Amino acid sequence: MDREYRAKIFKSGNSLALRLPKALGLSAGTEMRVREDARGGFVAEPTAGADKIDLTGIWGSVPGIKPLSAADREIDERELDWDGKRLARD
């Protein structure tokens, strides 16, 4: 038998949020997928990383692009000009 919990919808900024009970065993930051079912109800489930993109299939498909060397990744120090005020980097 499934357990049933009550949760409350509240305003969070310009959005609505649903506070889920700790007893569900979810941790903060868990990405969830929410969908509406055919009867007008809602189903929420963890995504389990399904939204990540795997780029291994395109590795090497663009000729001429090579990884940057450590020297190419270095940034030269320079003065910054914010709103007309010259600021030297410390």
N, C-alpha and C. Protein backbone atom coordinates (compact mmCIF):
# COMPACT_ATOMS: atom_id res chain seq x y z
N MET A 1 0.83 -1.18 0.00
CA MET A 1 0.00 0.00 0.00
C MET A 1 0.89 1.26 0.00
N ASP A 2 0.56 2.21 -0.85
CA ASP A 2 1.31 3.46 -0.94
C ASP A 2 0.98 4.36 0.25
N ARG A 3 1.99 5.06 0.73
CA ARG A 3 1.77 6.04 1.78
C ARG A 3 1.25 7.33 1.17
N GLU A 4 0.50 8.06 1.93
CA GLU A 4 -0.04 9.33 1.45
C GLU A 4 0.44 10.45 2.37
N TYR A 5 0.88 11.55 1.78
CA TYR A 5 1.35 12.71 2.52
C TYR A 5 0.59 13.93 2.04
N ARG A 6 0.43 14.90 2.91
CA ARG A 6 -0.16 16.17 2.52
C ARG A 6 0.96 17.18 2.33
N ALA A 7 0.83 18.00 1.31
CA ALA A 7 1.81 19.04 1.04
C ALA A 7 1.06 20.31 0.71
N LYS A 8 1.71 21.43 0.91
CA LYS A 8 1.05 22.72 0.71
C LYS A 8 1.76 23.52 -0.36
N ILE A 9 0.99 24.12 -1.26
CA ILE A 9 1.53 25.00 -2.29
C ILE A 9 1.63 26.40 -1.70
N PHE A 10 2.76 27.08 -1.95
CA PHE A 10 2.94 28.44 -1.46
C PHE A 10 3.61 29.28 -2.53
N LYS A 11 3.52 30.59 -2.38
CA LYS A 11 4.12 31.53 -3.33
C LYS A 11 5.60 31.68 -3.02
N SER A 12 6.44 31.58 -4.05
CA SER A 12 7.89 31.76 -3.92
C SER A 12 8.33 32.68 -5.05
N GLY A 13 8.48 33.96 -4.76
CA GLY A 13 8.79 34.94 -5.81
C GLY A 13 7.58 35.07 -6.73
N ASN A 14 7.79 34.91 -8.04
CA ASN A 14 6.69 34.96 -9.00
C ASN A 14 6.19 33.58 -9.36
N SER A 15 6.63 32.57 -8.64
CA SER A 15 6.25 31.19 -8.93
C SER A 15 5.48 30.59 -7.77
N LEU A 16 4.94 29.42 -8.01
CA LEU A 16 4.34 28.63 -6.94
C LEU A 16 5.30 27.49 -6.62
N ALA A 17 5.36 27.10 -5.37
CA ALA A 17 6.26 26.03 -4.95
C ALA A 17 5.47 25.02 -4.13
N LEU A 18 5.93 23.81 -4.11
CA LEU A 18 5.30 22.74 -3.34
C LEU A 18 6.31 22.24 -2.33
N ARG A 19 5.99 22.34 -1.06
CA ARG A 19 6.87 21.87 0.01
C ARG A 19 6.61 20.38 0.19
N LEU A 20 7.66 19.57 -0.02
CA LEU A 20 7.52 18.12 0.09
C LEU A 20 7.99 17.64 1.47
N PRO A 21 7.29 16.71 2.06
CA PRO A 21 7.66 16.22 3.39
C PRO A 21 9.03 15.53 3.39
N LYS A 22 9.78 15.73 4.47
CA LYS A 22 11.10 15.13 4.62
C LYS A 22 11.01 13.59 4.59
N ALA A 23 9.88 13.06 5.02
CA ALA A 23 9.69 11.61 5.08
C ALA A 23 9.77 10.94 3.71
N LEU A 24 9.70 11.72 2.63
CA LEU A 24 9.83 11.14 1.29
C LEU A 24 11.26 10.72 0.98
N GLY A 25 12.22 11.21 1.76
CA GLY A 25 13.61 10.82 1.57
C GLY A 25 14.34 11.57 0.48
N LEU A 26 13.79 12.67 0.00
CA LEU A 26 14.47 13.47 -1.02
C LEU A 26 15.46 14.40 -0.34
N SER A 27 16.49 14.81 -1.08
CA SER A 27 17.45 15.76 -0.53
C SER A 27 17.36 17.06 -1.33
N ALA A 28 17.76 18.16 -0.69
CA ALA A 28 17.72 19.47 -1.33
C ALA A 28 18.54 19.45 -2.61
N GLY A 29 18.03 20.07 -3.65
CA GLY A 29 18.73 20.13 -4.92
C GLY A 29 18.39 19.00 -5.88
N THR A 30 17.59 18.04 -5.44
CA THR A 30 17.19 16.94 -6.33
C THR A 30 16.34 17.50 -7.46
N GLU A 31 16.72 17.22 -8.70
CA GLU A 31 15.95 17.69 -9.84
C GLU A 31 14.77 16.75 -10.07
N MET A 32 13.60 17.34 -10.24
CA MET A 32 12.38 16.57 -10.39
C MET A 32 11.73 16.84 -11.75
N ARG A 33 11.05 15.86 -12.27
CA ARG A 33 10.26 16.00 -13.49
C ARG A 33 8.80 15.98 -13.04
N VAL A 34 8.02 17.00 -13.46
CA VAL A 34 6.61 17.07 -13.11
C VAL A 34 5.81 17.02 -14.39
N ARG A 35 4.80 16.15 -14.42
CA ARG A 35 3.95 16.05 -15.61
C ARG A 35 2.50 15.94 -15.19
N GLU A 36 1.62 16.38 -16.06
CA GLU A 36 0.19 16.29 -15.81
C GLU A 36 -0.32 15.00 -16.43
N ASP A 37 -1.10 14.24 -15.67
CA ASP A 37 -1.63 13.00 -16.22
C ASP A 37 -2.97 13.26 -16.91
N ALA A 38 -3.54 12.25 -17.54
CA ALA A 38 -4.76 12.39 -18.34
C ALA A 38 -5.97 12.79 -17.50
N ARG A 39 -5.94 12.54 -16.20
CA ARG A 39 -7.10 12.87 -15.35
C ARG A 39 -6.97 14.24 -14.71
N GLY A 40 -5.95 15.02 -15.07
CA GLY A 40 -5.77 16.34 -14.51
C GLY A 40 -4.94 16.36 -13.23
N GLY A 41 -4.41 15.22 -12.81
CA GLY A 41 -3.54 15.14 -11.65
C GLY A 41 -2.10 15.40 -12.07
N PHE A 42 -1.20 15.39 -11.11
CA PHE A 42 0.21 15.63 -11.38
C PHE A 42 1.05 14.49 -10.83
N VAL A 43 2.13 14.18 -11.53
CA VAL A 43 3.08 13.17 -11.10
C VAL A 43 4.45 13.82 -11.04
N ALA A 44 5.14 13.68 -9.92
CA ALA A 44 6.49 14.23 -9.76
C ALA A 44 7.44 13.09 -9.47
N GLU A 45 8.56 13.04 -10.19
CA GLU A 45 9.53 11.97 -9.98
C GLU A 45 10.93 12.50 -10.22
N PRO A 46 11.93 11.97 -9.51
CA PRO A 46 13.32 12.41 -9.72
C PRO A 46 13.76 12.12 -11.15
N THR A 47 14.56 13.02 -11.73
CA THR A 47 14.99 12.82 -13.12
C THR A 47 16.11 11.80 -13.24
N ALA A 48 16.87 11.57 -12.19
CA ALA A 48 17.98 10.60 -12.20
C ALA A 48 19.00 10.91 -13.28
N GLY A 49 19.22 12.20 -13.55
CA GLY A 49 20.26 12.59 -14.50
C GLY A 49 19.90 12.36 -15.96
N ALA A 50 18.64 12.11 -16.26
CA ALA A 50 18.23 11.82 -17.63
C ALA A 50 18.37 13.03 -18.56
N ASP A 51 18.48 14.23 -18.00
CA ASP A 51 18.54 15.44 -18.82
C ASP A 51 19.96 15.82 -19.21
N LYS A 52 20.95 15.01 -18.87
CA LYS A 52 22.34 15.31 -19.23
C LYS A 52 22.58 14.91 -20.69
N ILE A 53 23.43 15.65 -21.35
CA ILE A 53 23.73 15.40 -22.76
C ILE A 53 25.05 14.65 -22.87
N ASP A 54 25.07 13.57 -23.63
CA ASP A 54 26.27 12.79 -23.86
C ASP A 54 26.90 13.24 -25.18
N LEU A 55 28.10 13.81 -25.09
CA LEU A 55 28.77 14.35 -26.28
C LEU A 55 29.82 13.40 -26.84
N THR A 56 29.94 12.20 -26.32
CA THR A 56 30.98 11.29 -26.79
C THR A 56 30.80 10.91 -28.26
N GLY A 57 29.58 10.93 -28.77
CA GLY A 57 29.33 10.56 -30.16
C GLY A 57 29.81 11.58 -31.17
N ILE A 58 30.05 12.83 -30.74
CA ILE A 58 30.51 13.85 -31.69
C ILE A 58 31.98 14.19 -31.52
N TRP A 59 32.67 13.50 -30.61
CA TRP A 59 34.09 13.78 -30.38
C TRP A 59 34.87 13.61 -31.68
N GLY A 60 35.62 14.61 -32.07
CA GLY A 60 36.44 14.55 -33.27
C GLY A 60 35.71 14.82 -34.55
N SER A 61 34.44 15.20 -34.50
CA SER A 61 33.68 15.42 -35.73
C SER A 61 33.89 16.80 -36.34
N VAL A 62 34.58 17.70 -35.65
CA VAL A 62 34.87 19.03 -36.19
C VAL A 62 36.37 19.12 -36.41
N PRO A 63 36.80 19.05 -37.67
CA PRO A 63 38.25 19.08 -37.93
C PRO A 63 38.86 20.43 -37.57
N GLY A 64 40.08 20.40 -37.09
CA GLY A 64 40.81 21.62 -36.78
C GLY A 64 40.64 22.10 -35.36
N ILE A 65 39.70 21.56 -34.61
CA ILE A 65 39.53 21.97 -33.21
C ILE A 65 40.35 21.04 -32.33
N LYS A 66 41.23 21.65 -31.54
CA LYS A 66 42.10 20.87 -30.66
C LYS A 66 41.97 21.42 -29.25
N PRO A 67 42.22 20.61 -28.24
CA PRO A 67 42.18 21.11 -26.86
C PRO A 67 43.22 22.21 -26.66
N LEU A 68 42.89 23.18 -25.80
CA LEU A 68 43.83 24.26 -25.47
C LEU A 68 44.95 23.73 -24.60
N SER A 69 46.14 24.23 -24.85
CA SER A 69 47.27 23.88 -23.99
C SER A 69 47.17 24.71 -22.71
N ALA A 70 47.94 24.34 -21.70
CA ALA A 70 47.93 25.08 -20.44
C ALA A 70 48.33 26.54 -20.66
N ALA A 71 49.29 26.80 -21.55
CA ALA A 71 49.73 28.17 -21.83
C ALA A 71 48.61 28.99 -22.49
N ASP A 72 47.81 28.34 -23.35
CA ASP A 72 46.72 29.05 -24.02
C ASP A 72 45.57 29.38 -23.07
N ARG A 73 45.49 28.70 -21.96
CA ARG A 73 44.42 28.95 -20.99
C ARG A 73 44.73 30.11 -20.05
N GLU A 74 45.97 30.58 -20.04
CA GLU A 74 46.38 31.67 -19.16
C GLU A 74 45.79 32.99 -19.67
N ILE A 75 45.37 33.83 -18.74
CA ILE A 75 44.80 35.13 -19.08
C ILE A 75 45.80 36.21 -18.68
N ASP A 76 46.10 37.09 -19.62
CA ASP A 76 47.02 38.19 -19.34
C ASP A 76 46.36 39.20 -18.41
N GLU A 77 47.13 39.71 -17.44
CA GLU A 77 46.63 40.74 -16.55
C GLU A 77 46.41 42.02 -17.35
N ARG A 78 45.33 42.72 -17.04
CA ARG A 78 45.02 43.97 -17.72
C ARG A 78 44.19 44.85 -16.82
N GLU A 79 44.17 46.13 -17.14
CA GLU A 79 43.33 47.05 -16.38
C GLU A 79 41.89 46.90 -16.85
N LEU A 80 40.96 47.04 -15.93
CA LEU A 80 39.54 46.94 -16.26
C LEU A 80 38.94 48.34 -16.25
N ASP A 81 38.04 48.60 -17.18
CA ASP A 81 37.40 49.90 -17.28
C ASP A 81 35.91 49.70 -17.02
N TRP A 82 35.47 49.96 -15.78
CA TRP A 82 34.06 49.83 -15.42
C TRP A 82 33.48 51.22 -15.25
N ASP A 83 32.51 51.55 -16.06
CA ASP A 83 31.84 52.85 -16.00
C ASP A 83 32.82 54.01 -16.11
N GLY A 84 33.82 53.89 -16.94
CA GLY A 84 34.78 54.97 -17.16
C GLY A 84 35.83 55.10 -16.08
N LYS A 85 35.82 54.24 -15.08
CA LYS A 85 36.82 54.29 -14.01
C LYS A 85 37.82 53.17 -14.26
N ARG A 86 39.06 53.50 -14.36
CA ARG A 86 40.09 52.50 -14.59
C ARG A 86 40.39 51.79 -13.29
N LEU A 87 40.30 50.50 -13.28
CA LEU A 87 40.57 49.69 -12.09
C LEU A 87 41.69 48.71 -12.41
N ALA A 88 42.70 48.71 -11.60
CA ALA A 88 43.80 47.77 -11.76
C ALA A 88 43.47 46.50 -10.98
N ARG A 89 43.74 45.37 -11.57
CA ARG A 89 43.49 44.10 -10.87
C ARG A 89 44.56 43.89 -9.83
N ASP A 90 44.15 43.42 -8.66
CA ASP A 90 45.11 43.15 -7.58
C ASP A 90 45.64 41.74 -7.69
